[in-house]
Protein backbone atom coordinates (compact mmCIF):
# COMPACT_ATOMS: atom_id res chain seq x y z
CA MET A 1 34.53 11.74 183.64
CA THR A 2 36.73 9.90 181.16
CA THR A 3 39.18 12.13 179.32
CA VAL A 4 40.38 11.74 175.75
CA ALA A 5 43.93 11.06 177.03
CA GLU A 6 42.69 7.90 178.77
CA VAL A 7 41.40 6.25 175.59
CA MET A 8 43.22 7.84 172.62
CA THR A 9 45.97 6.28 170.51
CA ARG A 10 49.37 7.94 170.94
CA GLY A 11 52.37 7.87 168.62
CA VAL A 12 50.32 8.54 165.51
CA ARG A 13 52.03 8.77 162.13
CA SER A 14 51.59 12.12 160.40
CA MET A 15 52.66 13.36 156.99
CA ALA A 16 53.34 16.74 155.37
CA PRO A 17 51.14 18.45 152.76
CA GLN A 18 53.93 18.08 150.19
CA ASP A 19 54.21 14.30 150.68
CA ARG A 20 53.01 12.19 147.78
CA LEU A 21 49.62 10.52 147.70
CA VAL A 22 51.22 7.14 147.02
CA GLN A 23 53.29 7.44 150.20
CA ALA A 24 50.13 8.04 152.24
CA ALA A 25 48.43 5.01 150.70
CA GLN A 26 51.50 2.88 151.47
CA ALA A 27 51.61 4.17 155.06
CA MET A 28 47.91 3.39 155.52
CA ASP A 29 48.51 -0.12 154.24
CA GLU A 30 51.51 -0.69 156.52
CA LEU A 31 49.77 0.75 159.60
CA ASN A 32 46.34 -0.74 158.80
CA VAL A 33 44.63 2.65 159.23
CA GLY A 34 42.23 4.66 157.11
CA ALA A 35 43.32 8.19 157.99
CA ILE A 36 46.53 10.11 158.55
CA PRO A 37 46.84 13.61 160.01
CA VAL A 38 48.64 16.08 157.75
CA CYS A 39 50.92 18.44 159.65
CA GLU A 40 53.28 21.33 159.11
CA GLY A 41 55.71 20.67 161.92
CA GLU A 42 53.53 19.60 164.86
CA ARG A 43 50.49 21.61 163.75
CA VAL A 44 47.58 19.80 162.10
CA VAL A 45 46.65 21.42 158.77
CA GLY A 46 44.57 18.60 157.31
CA MET A 47 43.55 14.96 157.28
CA VAL A 48 43.81 12.49 154.44
CA THR A 49 41.66 9.38 154.37
CA ASP A 50 41.60 6.33 152.16
CA ARG A 51 38.36 7.74 150.76
CA ASP A 52 40.08 11.07 149.92
CA ILE A 53 42.74 9.15 148.01
CA VAL A 54 40.14 7.34 145.93
CA VAL A 55 37.53 10.07 145.43
CA ARG A 56 39.78 13.11 145.15
CA GLY A 57 42.81 11.34 143.71
CA VAL A 58 42.20 8.18 141.70
CA ALA A 59 38.78 9.26 140.39
CA GLN A 60 40.26 12.48 138.98
CA ASP A 61 42.34 10.43 136.51
CA GLN A 62 45.52 12.42 137.22
CA ASP A 63 49.11 11.20 137.53
CA LEU A 64 48.95 9.65 141.00
CA ARG A 65 52.74 9.56 141.31
CA ALA A 66 52.83 13.36 141.12
CA MET A 67 49.83 14.13 143.34
CA LYS A 68 50.52 15.52 146.78
CA LEU A 69 48.46 15.28 149.95
CA GLU A 70 47.60 18.97 149.72
CA ASP A 71 45.76 18.12 146.47
CA VAL A 72 43.31 15.75 148.18
CA MET A 73 43.34 16.34 151.96
CA SER A 74 40.49 17.80 153.97
CA THR A 75 41.55 21.11 155.45
CA HIS A 76 38.63 21.82 157.80
CA VAL A 77 39.69 19.38 160.49
CA ARG A 78 37.87 19.09 163.79
CA CYS A 79 40.35 18.42 166.58
CA VAL A 80 39.97 17.69 170.29
CA HIS A 81 42.25 18.22 173.25
CA GLU A 82 43.62 15.44 175.40
CA ASP A 83 41.88 16.78 178.51
CA ASP A 84 38.42 16.97 176.85
CA ASP A 85 35.59 14.82 178.17
CA VAL A 86 34.92 11.75 176.00
CA ASP A 87 31.12 12.14 176.29
CA GLN A 88 31.31 15.67 174.87
CA VAL A 89 33.66 14.51 172.11
CA LEU A 90 31.22 11.76 171.12
CA GLY A 91 28.62 14.48 170.58
CA GLN A 92 31.05 16.47 168.44
CA MET A 93 31.86 13.37 166.39
CA ALA A 94 28.16 12.74 165.79
CA ASP A 95 27.49 16.38 164.87
CA SER A 96 30.43 16.42 162.43
CA GLN A 97 29.82 12.86 161.18
CA VAL A 98 33.44 11.82 161.75
CA ARG A 99 34.79 8.58 163.22
CA ARG A 100 38.20 9.85 164.22
CA MET A 101 39.69 13.14 165.37
CA PRO A 102 43.27 14.34 165.89
CA VAL A 103 44.12 14.99 169.52
CA LEU A 104 46.08 18.10 170.47
CA ASP A 105 47.77 19.25 173.65
CA ARG A 106 47.05 22.75 174.98
CA GLN A 107 49.83 24.15 172.75
CA ASP A 108 47.85 22.75 169.77
CA LYS A 109 50.51 20.16 168.93
CA LEU A 110 49.44 16.74 167.65
CA VAL A 111 49.73 14.11 170.40
CA GLY A 112 47.46 11.35 169.12
CA ILE A 113 44.20 10.38 167.48
CA LEU A 114 40.84 9.39 168.91
CA SER A 115 38.57 6.97 167.08
CA LEU A 116 35.20 5.47 167.91
CA GLY A 117 37.04 2.17 168.13
CA ASP A 118 39.35 3.58 170.82
CA ILE A 119 36.36 4.69 172.86
CA ALA A 120 34.48 1.42 172.40
CA ALA A 121 37.50 -0.71 173.28
CA LYS A 122 38.78 1.29 176.25
CA ASP A 123 35.71 2.90 177.80
CA ALA A 124 33.15 0.17 178.47
CA ASP A 125 30.92 2.61 180.38
CA ASP A 126 30.15 4.47 177.15
CA GLU A 127 29.01 1.51 175.00
CA GLY A 128 25.50 2.93 174.56
CA ASP A 129 26.87 6.38 173.76
CA VAL A 130 29.26 4.91 171.18
CA ALA A 131 26.43 3.00 169.51
CA MET A 132 24.25 6.12 169.37
CA SER A 133 27.13 8.21 168.03
CA LEU A 134 27.94 5.62 165.38
CA GLY A 135 24.31 5.71 164.27
CA ASP A 136 24.40 9.51 164.03
CA ILE A 137 27.74 9.51 162.24
CA SER A 138 26.61 6.86 159.79
CA SER A 139 23.32 8.52 158.85
CA PRO A 140 23.14 8.43 155.07
CA ALA A 141 23.61 11.68 153.26
CA GLU A 142 22.09 12.54 149.90
CA PRO A 143 24.61 11.81 147.14
CA ASP A 144 26.02 14.78 145.24
CA ARG A 145 25.05 14.07 141.64
CA SER A 146 26.03 17.49 140.29
CA ASN A 147 29.25 16.29 138.69
CA GLN A 148 28.72 12.65 137.81
CA SER A 149 31.20 10.75 135.73
CA GLN A 150 30.27 8.03 133.26
CA ALA A 151 31.32 5.49 135.87
CA SER A 152 28.45 6.42 138.17
CA GLY A 153 25.89 4.79 135.88
CA ALA A 154 22.15 5.06 136.00
CA ALA A 155 20.29 5.66 139.25
CA GLY A 156 18.72 2.55 140.67
CA GLY A 157 21.69 0.25 140.20
CA GLY A 158 21.53 -0.40 136.45
CA SER A 159 24.72 -1.09 134.57
CA ALA A 160 26.65 1.87 133.17
CA SER A 161 25.73 0.84 129.60
CA GLY A 162 22.02 0.86 130.42
CA THR A 163 21.73 -2.84 129.61
CA PRO A 164 20.16 -4.79 132.46
CA ARG A 165 22.34 -7.42 134.04
CA SER A 166 21.07 -10.97 133.99
CA ARG A 167 20.48 -12.65 137.31
CA PRO A 168 21.15 -16.30 138.01
CA HIS A 169 17.96 -18.33 138.57
């Protein structure tokens, strides 16, 4: 049995709910990561991803300099413990369709993060399981078209103006 502690990344940067969105984007750029746990003290209260910043921040056409992480973060965060079995966690990741999960100690304090990449790079025995989990996680979901903006354009890939694009011959 391989435990989460054996493959996870320690020393993970976290931010507070009141931190600004721009700071999170800058931290992601500096660290070359796509997600940052949001904590109050050492307790995880959310996650913010690069996608959250774009879809819940930029796309809302608000003042990005004033937006805080609490405005865009996901609050229903699935976490794992450092002594959990990696095989079981892979199943949880597939069920939840997530590629990374905060890792907690038994006092529920943030101690790291576990990504599919961590598992693939550090646990060669689970290569098949990682591939299957990635397939499950990446299964396409139906798009939510209930609140489309003008930028979403016509279904089928037409241009937003409805005029077909010319193709080079």
